[in-house]
Amino acid sequence: MNEPLPNPAIRKLKGLAQKLDPVLALGKAGVTDAFVKSLDEALGIHELVKMKFAAFKDERKTLAPQLAEKTNSHLVWVVGHVAVFYRQQPDAGKRKVAV
């Protein structure tokens, strides 16, 4: 499990996430290995990813932390039918988000 992000970092990430469009949508197929892999790849590319719950809207508060754990990322925020995940790029030269 990742160490929790400090509050200033969470505030900054929330502000950055406001401007993002959802990269992924969780549909009828649910949390499959392919979906987890897609989220993992998106985090590797973007670092900060907004995901929409197109289906499973009632389970979003339990599914979002599970997805964060499976992708070794931080769950920044769940608001409405959207979740925001963050995973810092290990290569400092490729980082897009400074936290």
C-alpha atoms as a PDB file:
ATOM      1  CA  MET A   1       0.000   0.000   0.000  1.00  0.00           C
ATOM      2  CA  ASN A   2       1.209   3.489  -0.824  1.00  0.00           C
ATOM      3  CA  GLU A   3       1.861   6.063   1.838  1.00  0.00           C
ATOM      4  CA  PRO A   4      -0.990   8.570   1.964  1.00  0.00           C
ATOM      5  CA  LEU A   5      -0.444  11.786   0.063  1.00  0.00           C
ATOM      6  CA  PRO A   6      -0.079  14.951   2.149  1.00  0.00           C
ATOM      7  CA  ASN A   7      -3.055  17.318   2.095  1.00  0.00           C
ATOM      8  CA  PRO A   8      -1.323  20.032   0.023  1.00  0.00           C
ATOM      9  CA  ALA A   9      -0.531  17.441  -2.661  1.00  0.00           C
ATOM     10  CA  ILE A  10      -4.136  16.203  -2.665  1.00  0.00           C
ATOM     11  CA  ARG A  11      -5.427  19.773  -3.046  1.00  0.00           C
ATOM     12  CA  LYS A  12      -3.062  20.384  -5.948  1.00  0.00           C
ATOM     13  CA  LEU A  13      -4.040  17.126  -7.678  1.00  0.00           C
ATOM     14  CA  LYS A  14      -7.752  17.874  -7.237  1.00  0.00           C
ATOM     15  CA  GLY A  15      -7.237  21.251  -8.864  1.00  0.00           C
ATOM     16  CA  LEU A  16      -5.372  19.717 -11.797  1.00  0.00           C
ATOM     17  CA  ALA A  17      -7.992  16.979 -12.163  1.00  0.00           C
ATOM     18  CA  GLN A  18     -10.792  19.535 -12.513  1.00  0.00           C
ATOM     19  CA  LYS A  19      -9.494  20.404 -15.983  1.00  0.00           C
ATOM     20  CA  LEU A  20      -9.115  16.798 -17.163  1.00  0.00           C
ATOM     21  CA  ASP A  21     -11.536  14.772 -19.226  1.00  0.00           C
ATOM     22  CA  PRO A  22     -12.092  11.141 -18.218  1.00  0.00           C
ATOM     23  CA  VAL A  23      -9.551   8.856 -19.896  1.00  0.00           C
ATOM     24  CA  LEU A  24     -11.371   5.611 -19.056  1.00  0.00           C
ATOM     25  CA  ALA A  25     -14.917   4.523 -18.371  1.00  0.00           C
ATOM     26  CA  LEU A  26     -15.850   1.473 -16.328  1.00  0.00           C
ATOM     27  CA  GLY A  27     -18.612  -0.202 -18.305  1.00  0.00           C
ATOM     28  CA  LYS A  28     -20.807  -3.278 -18.087  1.00  0.00           C
ATOM     29  CA  ALA A  29     -17.847  -5.696 -18.211  1.00  0.00           C
ATOM     30  CA  GLY A  30     -16.722  -4.407 -14.827  1.00  0.00           C
ATOM     31  CA  VAL A  31     -13.252  -4.578 -13.322  1.00  0.00           C
ATOM     32  CA  THR A  32     -11.589  -7.067 -15.634  1.00  0.00           C
ATOM     33  CA  ASP A  33      -7.865  -7.731 -15.970  1.00  0.00           C
ATOM     34  CA  ALA A  34      -7.951  -5.831 -19.259  1.00  0.00           C
ATOM     35  CA  PHE A  35      -9.518  -2.780 -17.576  1.00  0.00           C
ATOM     36  CA  VAL A  36      -6.947  -2.826 -14.771  1.00  0.00           C
ATOM     37  CA  LYS A  37      -4.188  -3.078 -17.387  1.00  0.00           C
ATOM     38  CA  SER A  38      -5.672  -0.114 -19.285  1.00  0.00           C
ATOM     39  CA  LEU A  39      -5.786   1.974 -16.108  1.00  0.00           C
ATOM     40  CA  ASP A  40      -2.228   0.939 -15.278  1.00  0.00           C
ATOM     41  CA  GLU A  41      -1.027   1.991 -18.752  1.00  0.00           C
ATOM     42  CA  ALA A  42      -2.915   5.299 -18.545  1.00  0.00           C
ATOM     43  CA  LEU A  43      -1.268   6.041 -15.193  1.00  0.00           C
ATOM     44  CA  GLY A  44       2.123   5.272 -16.712  1.00  0.00           C
ATOM     45  CA  ILE A  45       1.488   7.779 -19.494  1.00  0.00           C
ATOM     46  CA  HIS A  46      -0.451  10.564 -17.743  1.00  0.00           C
ATOM     47  CA  GLU A  47       0.302  10.129 -13.993  1.00  0.00           C
ATOM     48  CA  LEU A  48      -3.047  11.775 -13.143  1.00  0.00           C
ATOM     49  CA  VAL A  49      -6.060   9.920 -14.562  1.00  0.00           C
ATOM     50  CA  LYS A  50      -9.764  10.671 -14.336  1.00  0.00           C
ATOM     51  CA  MET A  51     -12.038   7.647 -14.702  1.00  0.00           C
ATOM     52  CA  LYS A  52     -15.814   7.667 -15.134  1.00  0.00           C
ATOM     53  CA  PHE A  53     -18.149   5.027 -13.741  1.00  0.00           C
ATOM     54  CA  ALA A  54     -20.487   4.404 -16.687  1.00  0.00           C
ATOM     55  CA  ALA A  55     -21.806   1.304 -14.909  1.00  0.00           C
ATOM     56  CA  PHE A  56     -21.421   0.081 -11.310  1.00  0.00           C
ATOM     57  CA  LYS A  57     -22.193   3.598 -10.070  1.00  0.00           C
ATOM     58  CA  ASP A  58     -23.485   2.333  -6.724  1.00  0.00           C
ATOM     59  CA  GLU A  59     -20.247   0.406  -6.078  1.00  0.00           C
ATOM     60  CA  ARG A  60     -17.888   3.265  -6.960  1.00  0.00           C
ATOM     61  CA  LYS A  61     -16.823   3.927  -3.373  1.00  0.00           C
ATOM     62  CA  THR A  62     -15.676   0.330  -2.929  1.00  0.00           C
ATOM     63  CA  LEU A  63     -14.344  -0.271  -6.449  1.00  0.00           C
ATOM     64  CA  ALA A  64     -12.195   2.880  -6.610  1.00  0.00           C
ATOM     65  CA  PRO A  65      -9.921   1.921  -3.663  1.00  0.00           C
ATOM     66  CA  GLN A  66      -9.605  -1.598  -5.086  1.00  0.00           C
ATOM     67  CA  LEU A  67      -8.518  -0.186  -8.445  1.00  0.00           C
ATOM     68  CA  ALA A  68      -5.977   2.065  -6.725  1.00  0.00           C
ATOM     69  CA  GLU A  69      -4.546  -0.922  -4.882  1.00  0.00           C
ATOM     70  CA  LYS A  70      -4.389  -3.086  -8.019  1.00  0.00           C
ATOM     71  CA  THR A  71      -2.580  -0.355  -9.970  1.00  0.00           C
ATOM     72  CA  ASN A  72      -0.343   0.704  -7.069  1.00  0.00           C
ATOM     73  CA  SER A  73      -1.684   4.247  -7.313  1.00  0.00           C
ATOM     74  CA  HIS A  74      -3.269   6.817  -5.026  1.00  0.00           C
ATOM     75  CA  LEU A  75      -7.001   7.399  -5.047  1.00  0.00           C
ATOM     76  CA  VAL A  76      -7.128  11.187  -4.993  1.00  0.00           C
ATOM     77  CA  TRP A  77     -10.858  11.756  -5.140  1.00  0.00           C
ATOM     78  CA  VAL A  78     -14.232  10.190  -5.812  1.00  0.00           C
ATOM     79  CA  VAL A  79     -16.864  12.746  -6.711  1.00  0.00           C
ATOM     80  CA  GLY A  80     -20.141  11.969  -8.409  1.00  0.00           C
ATOM     81  CA  HIS A  81     -19.524   9.165 -10.890  1.00  0.00           C
ATOM     82  CA  VAL A  82     -15.853  10.025 -11.354  1.00  0.00           C
ATOM     83  CA  ALA A  83     -12.673   8.835  -9.631  1.00  0.00           C
ATOM     84  CA  VAL A  84      -9.222  10.380  -9.903  1.00  0.00           C
ATOM     85  CA  PHE A  85      -6.046   8.316  -9.559  1.00  0.00           C
ATOM     86  CA  TYR A  86      -2.417   9.415  -9.279  1.00  0.00           C
ATOM     87  CA  ARG A  87       0.829   7.490  -9.621  1.00  0.00           C
ATOM     88  CA  GLN A  88       4.102   9.358  -9.840  1.00  0.00           C
ATOM     89  CA  GLN A  89       6.293   8.582 -12.851  1.00  0.00           C
ATOM     90  CA  PRO A  90       9.477   6.884 -11.577  1.00  0.00           C
ATOM     91  CA  ASP A  91      11.624   8.677 -14.200  1.00  0.00           C
ATOM     92  CA  ALA A  92      12.012  12.277 -13.015  1.00  0.00           C
ATOM     93  CA  GLY A  93      12.613  13.476 -16.577  1.00  0.00           C
ATOM     94  CA  LYS A  94       9.231  12.187 -17.749  1.00  0.00           C
ATOM     95  CA  ARG A  95       7.131  13.547 -14.876  1.00  0.00           C
ATOM     96  CA  LYS A  96       4.207  15.707 -15.909  1.00  0.00           C
ATOM     97  CA  VAL A  97       2.812  16.480 -12.452  1.00  0.00           C
ATOM     98  CA  ALA A  98       5.029  17.886  -9.712  1.00  0.00           C
ATOM     99  CA  VAL A  99       3.750  16.967  -6.268  1.00  0.00           C
END
